[in-house]
Amino acid sequence: FAYSRCFFVGARDGTLPQVLGMVNVKYLTPLPALIFNCMMALLMLTASDIQQLINYFSFATWMFVGIAVSSLVYLRWKKPDLPRPFKVPIVIPIAFVIMCAFLVVCSIWSAPYECLIGAVIIISGIPVYF
């Protein structure tokens, strides 16, 4: 159910359709985002092989998580004077980025076709976004 909140916030920020940012008045939940999340999950169930589906999306997940965490390292290096709510020793994000890169490389090495399909799925969203 956490991903529906991501769709909800994305719609509130204007990067996703506004309908996903609507809230049910009675339960105060993002009902359209929950329904969209349910439909996406049902669509994923149509895959013939669950291992193939995991390869499609775990590659992309670890790649984007690694990119997000590497931005912490970049900001620490380029803008050291920015206020930070909490500080983490720089070794931790560097180690995490290395582990993410390892997982992405291993995914590409073990299942290059599935990773290519996952990359094509990601790239196909670019025209829709812009």
C-alpha atoms as a PDB file:
ATOM      1  CA  PHE A   1       0.000   0.000   0.000  1.00  0.00           C
ATOM      2  CA  ALA A   2       3.003   2.325   0.256  1.00  0.00           C
ATOM      3  CA  TYR A   3       3.295   2.765  -3.508  1.00  0.00           C
ATOM      4  CA  SER A   4      -0.198   4.223  -3.665  1.00  0.00           C
ATOM      5  CA  ARG A   5       1.061   7.040  -1.425  1.00  0.00           C
ATOM      6  CA  CYS A   6       3.881   7.630  -3.914  1.00  0.00           C
ATOM      7  CA  PHE A   7       1.329   7.958  -6.724  1.00  0.00           C
ATOM      8  CA  PHE A   8      -0.738  10.252  -4.496  1.00  0.00           C
ATOM      9  CA  VAL A   9       2.205  12.570  -3.754  1.00  0.00           C
ATOM     10  CA  GLY A  10       3.302  12.521  -7.394  1.00  0.00           C
ATOM     11  CA  ALA A  11      -0.170  13.655  -8.427  1.00  0.00           C
ATOM     12  CA  ARG A  12      -0.201  16.371  -5.780  1.00  0.00           C
ATOM     13  CA  ASP A  13       3.182  17.609  -7.069  1.00  0.00           C
ATOM     14  CA  GLY A  14       1.850  17.684 -10.620  1.00  0.00           C
ATOM     15  CA  THR A  15       4.039  14.962 -12.123  1.00  0.00           C
ATOM     16  CA  LEU A  16       1.213  12.413 -12.381  1.00  0.00           C
ATOM     17  CA  PRO A  17      -2.438  12.830 -13.401  1.00  0.00           C
ATOM     18  CA  GLN A  18      -4.429  14.856 -10.852  1.00  0.00           C
ATOM     19  CA  VAL A  19      -7.034  12.138 -10.420  1.00  0.00           C
ATOM     20  CA  LEU A  20      -4.456  10.055  -8.505  1.00  0.00           C
ATOM     21  CA  GLY A  21      -4.194  12.867  -5.952  1.00  0.00           C
ATOM     22  CA  MET A  22      -7.837  12.680  -4.894  1.00  0.00           C
ATOM     23  CA  VAL A  23      -8.689  11.538  -1.363  1.00  0.00           C
ATOM     24  CA  ASN A  24     -11.728   9.574  -0.172  1.00  0.00           C
ATOM     25  CA  VAL A  25     -13.631  11.901   2.148  1.00  0.00           C
ATOM     26  CA  LYS A  26     -14.899   9.174   4.447  1.00  0.00           C
ATOM     27  CA  TYR A  27     -11.678   7.179   4.951  1.00  0.00           C
ATOM     28  CA  LEU A  28      -9.094   9.876   4.104  1.00  0.00           C
ATOM     29  CA  THR A  29      -7.233   7.486   1.811  1.00  0.00           C
ATOM     30  CA  PRO A  30      -6.026   8.111  -1.752  1.00  0.00           C
ATOM     31  CA  LEU A  31      -8.621   5.792  -3.287  1.00  0.00           C
ATOM     32  CA  PRO A  32      -7.844   6.435  -6.995  1.00  0.00           C
ATOM     33  CA  ALA A  33      -4.144   5.810  -6.302  1.00  0.00           C
ATOM     34  CA  LEU A  34      -5.020   2.588  -4.472  1.00  0.00           C
ATOM     35  CA  ILE A  35      -7.166   1.431  -7.383  1.00  0.00           C
ATOM     36  CA  PHE A  36      -4.382   2.299  -9.843  1.00  0.00           C
ATOM     37  CA  ASN A  37      -1.882   0.389  -7.700  1.00  0.00           C
ATOM     38  CA  CYS A  38      -4.255  -2.593  -7.628  1.00  0.00           C
ATOM     39  CA  MET A  39      -4.639  -2.521 -11.411  1.00  0.00           C
ATOM     40  CA  MET A  40      -0.854  -2.406 -11.880  1.00  0.00           C
ATOM     41  CA  ALA A  41      -0.447  -5.367  -9.511  1.00  0.00           C
ATOM     42  CA  LEU A  42      -3.092  -7.330 -11.424  1.00  0.00           C
ATOM     43  CA  LEU A  43      -1.317  -6.489 -14.674  1.00  0.00           C
ATOM     44  CA  MET A  44       1.932  -7.827 -13.218  1.00  0.00           C
ATOM     45  CA  LEU A  45       0.187 -11.083 -12.332  1.00  0.00           C
ATOM     46  CA  THR A  46      -0.266 -11.799 -16.018  1.00  0.00           C
ATOM     47  CA  ALA A  47       3.469 -12.520 -16.335  1.00  0.00           C
ATOM     48  CA  SER A  48       4.083 -16.173 -17.078  1.00  0.00           C
ATOM     49  CA  ASP A  49       7.209 -16.432 -14.943  1.00  0.00           C
ATOM     50  CA  ILE A  50       7.547 -14.662 -11.582  1.00  0.00           C
ATOM     51  CA  GLN A  51      11.362 -14.832 -11.763  1.00  0.00           C
ATOM     52  CA  GLN A  52      11.225 -12.940 -15.039  1.00  0.00           C
ATOM     53  CA  LEU A  53       9.034 -10.256 -13.472  1.00  0.00           C
ATOM     54  CA  ILE A  54      11.428  -9.933 -10.530  1.00  0.00           C
ATOM     55  CA  ASN A  55      14.332  -9.496 -12.953  1.00  0.00           C
ATOM     56  CA  TYR A  56      12.467  -6.773 -14.861  1.00  0.00           C
ATOM     57  CA  PHE A  57      11.844  -4.621 -11.843  1.00  0.00           C
ATOM     58  CA  SER A  58      14.600  -5.416  -9.350  1.00  0.00           C
ATOM     59  CA  PHE A  59      17.163  -4.217 -11.879  1.00  0.00           C
ATOM     60  CA  ALA A  60      15.390  -0.884 -12.170  1.00  0.00           C
ATOM     61  CA  THR A  61      14.697  -0.586  -8.450  1.00  0.00           C
ATOM     62  CA  TRP A  62      18.315  -1.059  -7.393  1.00  0.00           C
ATOM     63  CA  MET A  63      19.520   1.205 -10.177  1.00  0.00           C
ATOM     64  CA  PHE A  64      17.279   4.097  -9.101  1.00  0.00           C
ATOM     65  CA  VAL A  65      17.893   3.538  -5.386  1.00  0.00           C
ATOM     66  CA  GLY A  66      21.627   3.637  -6.095  1.00  0.00           C
ATOM     67  CA  ILE A  67      21.236   6.864  -8.077  1.00  0.00           C
ATOM     68  CA  ALA A  68      19.215   8.446  -5.260  1.00  0.00           C
ATOM     69  CA  VAL A  69      21.740   7.501  -2.580  1.00  0.00           C
ATOM     70  CA  SER A  70      24.642   8.613  -4.760  1.00  0.00           C
ATOM     71  CA  SER A  71      23.056  12.062  -4.780  1.00  0.00           C
ATOM     72  CA  LEU A  72      23.786  12.176  -1.035  1.00  0.00           C
ATOM     73  CA  VAL A  73      27.464  11.641  -1.755  1.00  0.00           C
ATOM     74  CA  TYR A  74      27.374  14.239  -4.526  1.00  0.00           C
ATOM     75  CA  LEU A  75      25.685  16.869  -2.341  1.00  0.00           C
ATOM     76  CA  ARG A  76      28.066  16.191   0.525  1.00  0.00           C
ATOM     77  CA  TRP A  77      30.973  16.797  -1.843  1.00  0.00           C
ATOM     78  CA  LYS A  78      29.625  19.740  -3.902  1.00  0.00           C
ATOM     79  CA  LYS A  79      27.602  21.570  -1.217  1.00  0.00           C
ATOM     80  CA  PRO A  80      29.073  20.727   2.177  1.00  0.00           C
ATOM     81  CA  ASP A  81      27.506  23.782   3.854  1.00  0.00           C
ATOM     82  CA  LEU A  82      23.879  22.840   3.187  1.00  0.00           C
ATOM     83  CA  PRO A  83      21.844  22.289   6.354  1.00  0.00           C
ATOM     84  CA  ARG A  84      21.128  18.607   6.923  1.00  0.00           C
ATOM     85  CA  PRO A  85      18.534  17.280   9.370  1.00  0.00           C
ATOM     86  CA  PHE A  86      20.806  14.356  10.189  1.00  0.00           C
ATOM     87  CA  LYS A  87      24.305  13.375   9.190  1.00  0.00           C
ATOM     88  CA  VAL A  88      25.499   9.941   8.223  1.00  0.00           C
ATOM     89  CA  PRO A  89      29.144   8.932   7.987  1.00  0.00           C
ATOM     90  CA  ILE A  90      30.087   9.171   4.313  1.00  0.00           C
ATOM     91  CA  VAL A  91      31.259   5.550   4.294  1.00  0.00           C
ATOM     92  CA  ILE A  92      27.687   4.260   4.674  1.00  0.00           C
ATOM     93  CA  PRO A  93      26.206   5.810   1.494  1.00  0.00           C
ATOM     94  CA  ILE A  94      29.353   4.977  -0.484  1.00  0.00           C
ATOM     95  CA  ALA A  95      29.148   1.330   0.616  1.00  0.00           C
ATOM     96  CA  PHE A  96      25.438   1.263  -0.192  1.00  0.00           C
ATOM     97  CA  VAL A  97      26.002   2.689  -3.684  1.00  0.00           C
ATOM     98  CA  ILE A  98      28.697   0.072  -4.297  1.00  0.00           C
ATOM     99  CA  MET A  99      26.277  -2.676  -3.231  1.00  0.00           C
ATOM    100  CA  CYS A 100      23.549  -1.261  -5.494  1.00  0.00           C
ATOM    101  CA  ALA A 101      25.985  -1.154  -8.417  1.00  0.00           C
ATOM    102  CA  PHE A 102      26.962  -4.757  -7.667  1.00  0.00           C
ATOM    103  CA  LEU A 103      23.309  -5.842  -7.728  1.00  0.00           C
ATOM    104  CA  VAL A 104      22.666  -4.006 -10.995  1.00  0.00           C
ATOM    105  CA  VAL A 105      25.771  -5.471 -12.656  1.00  0.00           C
ATOM    106  CA  CYS A 106      24.887  -8.969 -11.421  1.00  0.00           C
ATOM    107  CA  SER A 107      21.356  -8.568 -12.769  1.00  0.00           C
ATOM    108  CA  ILE A 108      22.658  -7.497 -16.161  1.00  0.00           C
ATOM    109  CA  TRP A 109      25.189 -10.327 -16.184  1.00  0.00           C
ATOM    110  CA  SER A 110      22.738 -13.050 -15.146  1.00  0.00           C
ATOM    111  CA  ALA A 111      19.668 -11.916 -17.090  1.00  0.00           C
ATOM    112  CA  PRO A 112      20.602  -9.408 -19.809  1.00  0.00           C
ATOM    113  CA  TYR A 113      17.412  -9.903 -21.825  1.00  0.00           C
ATOM    114  CA  GLU A 114      15.125  -9.217 -18.867  1.00  0.00           C
ATOM    115  CA  CYS A 115      17.185  -6.165 -17.880  1.00  0.00           C
ATOM    116  CA  LEU A 116      16.942  -4.865 -21.439  1.00  0.00           C
ATOM    117  CA  ILE A 117      13.166  -5.275 -21.346  1.00  0.00           C
ATOM    118  CA  GLY A 118      13.066  -3.488 -17.980  1.00  0.00           C
ATOM    119  CA  ALA A 119      15.154  -0.636 -19.410  1.00  0.00           C
ATOM    120  CA  VAL A 120      12.842  -0.395 -22.432  1.00  0.00           C
ATOM    121  CA  ILE A 121       9.829  -0.217 -20.092  1.00  0.00           C
ATOM    122  CA  ILE A 122      11.486   2.641 -18.204  1.00  0.00           C
ATOM    123  CA  ILE A 123      12.478   4.468 -21.386  1.00  0.00           C
ATOM    124  CA  SER A 124       8.966   4.072 -22.814  1.00  0.00           C
ATOM    125  CA  GLY A 125       7.686   6.229 -19.960  1.00  0.00           C
ATOM    126  CA  ILE A 126       9.780   9.239 -21.003  1.00  0.00           C
ATOM    127  CA  PRO A 127       7.437  10.381 -23.818  1.00  0.00           C
ATOM    128  CA  VAL A 128       4.430   9.918 -21.549  1.00  0.00           C
ATOM    129  CA  TYR A 129       6.073  12.014 -18.816  1.00  0.00           C
ATOM    130  CA  PHE A 130       6.975  14.901 -21.112  1.00  0.00           C
END
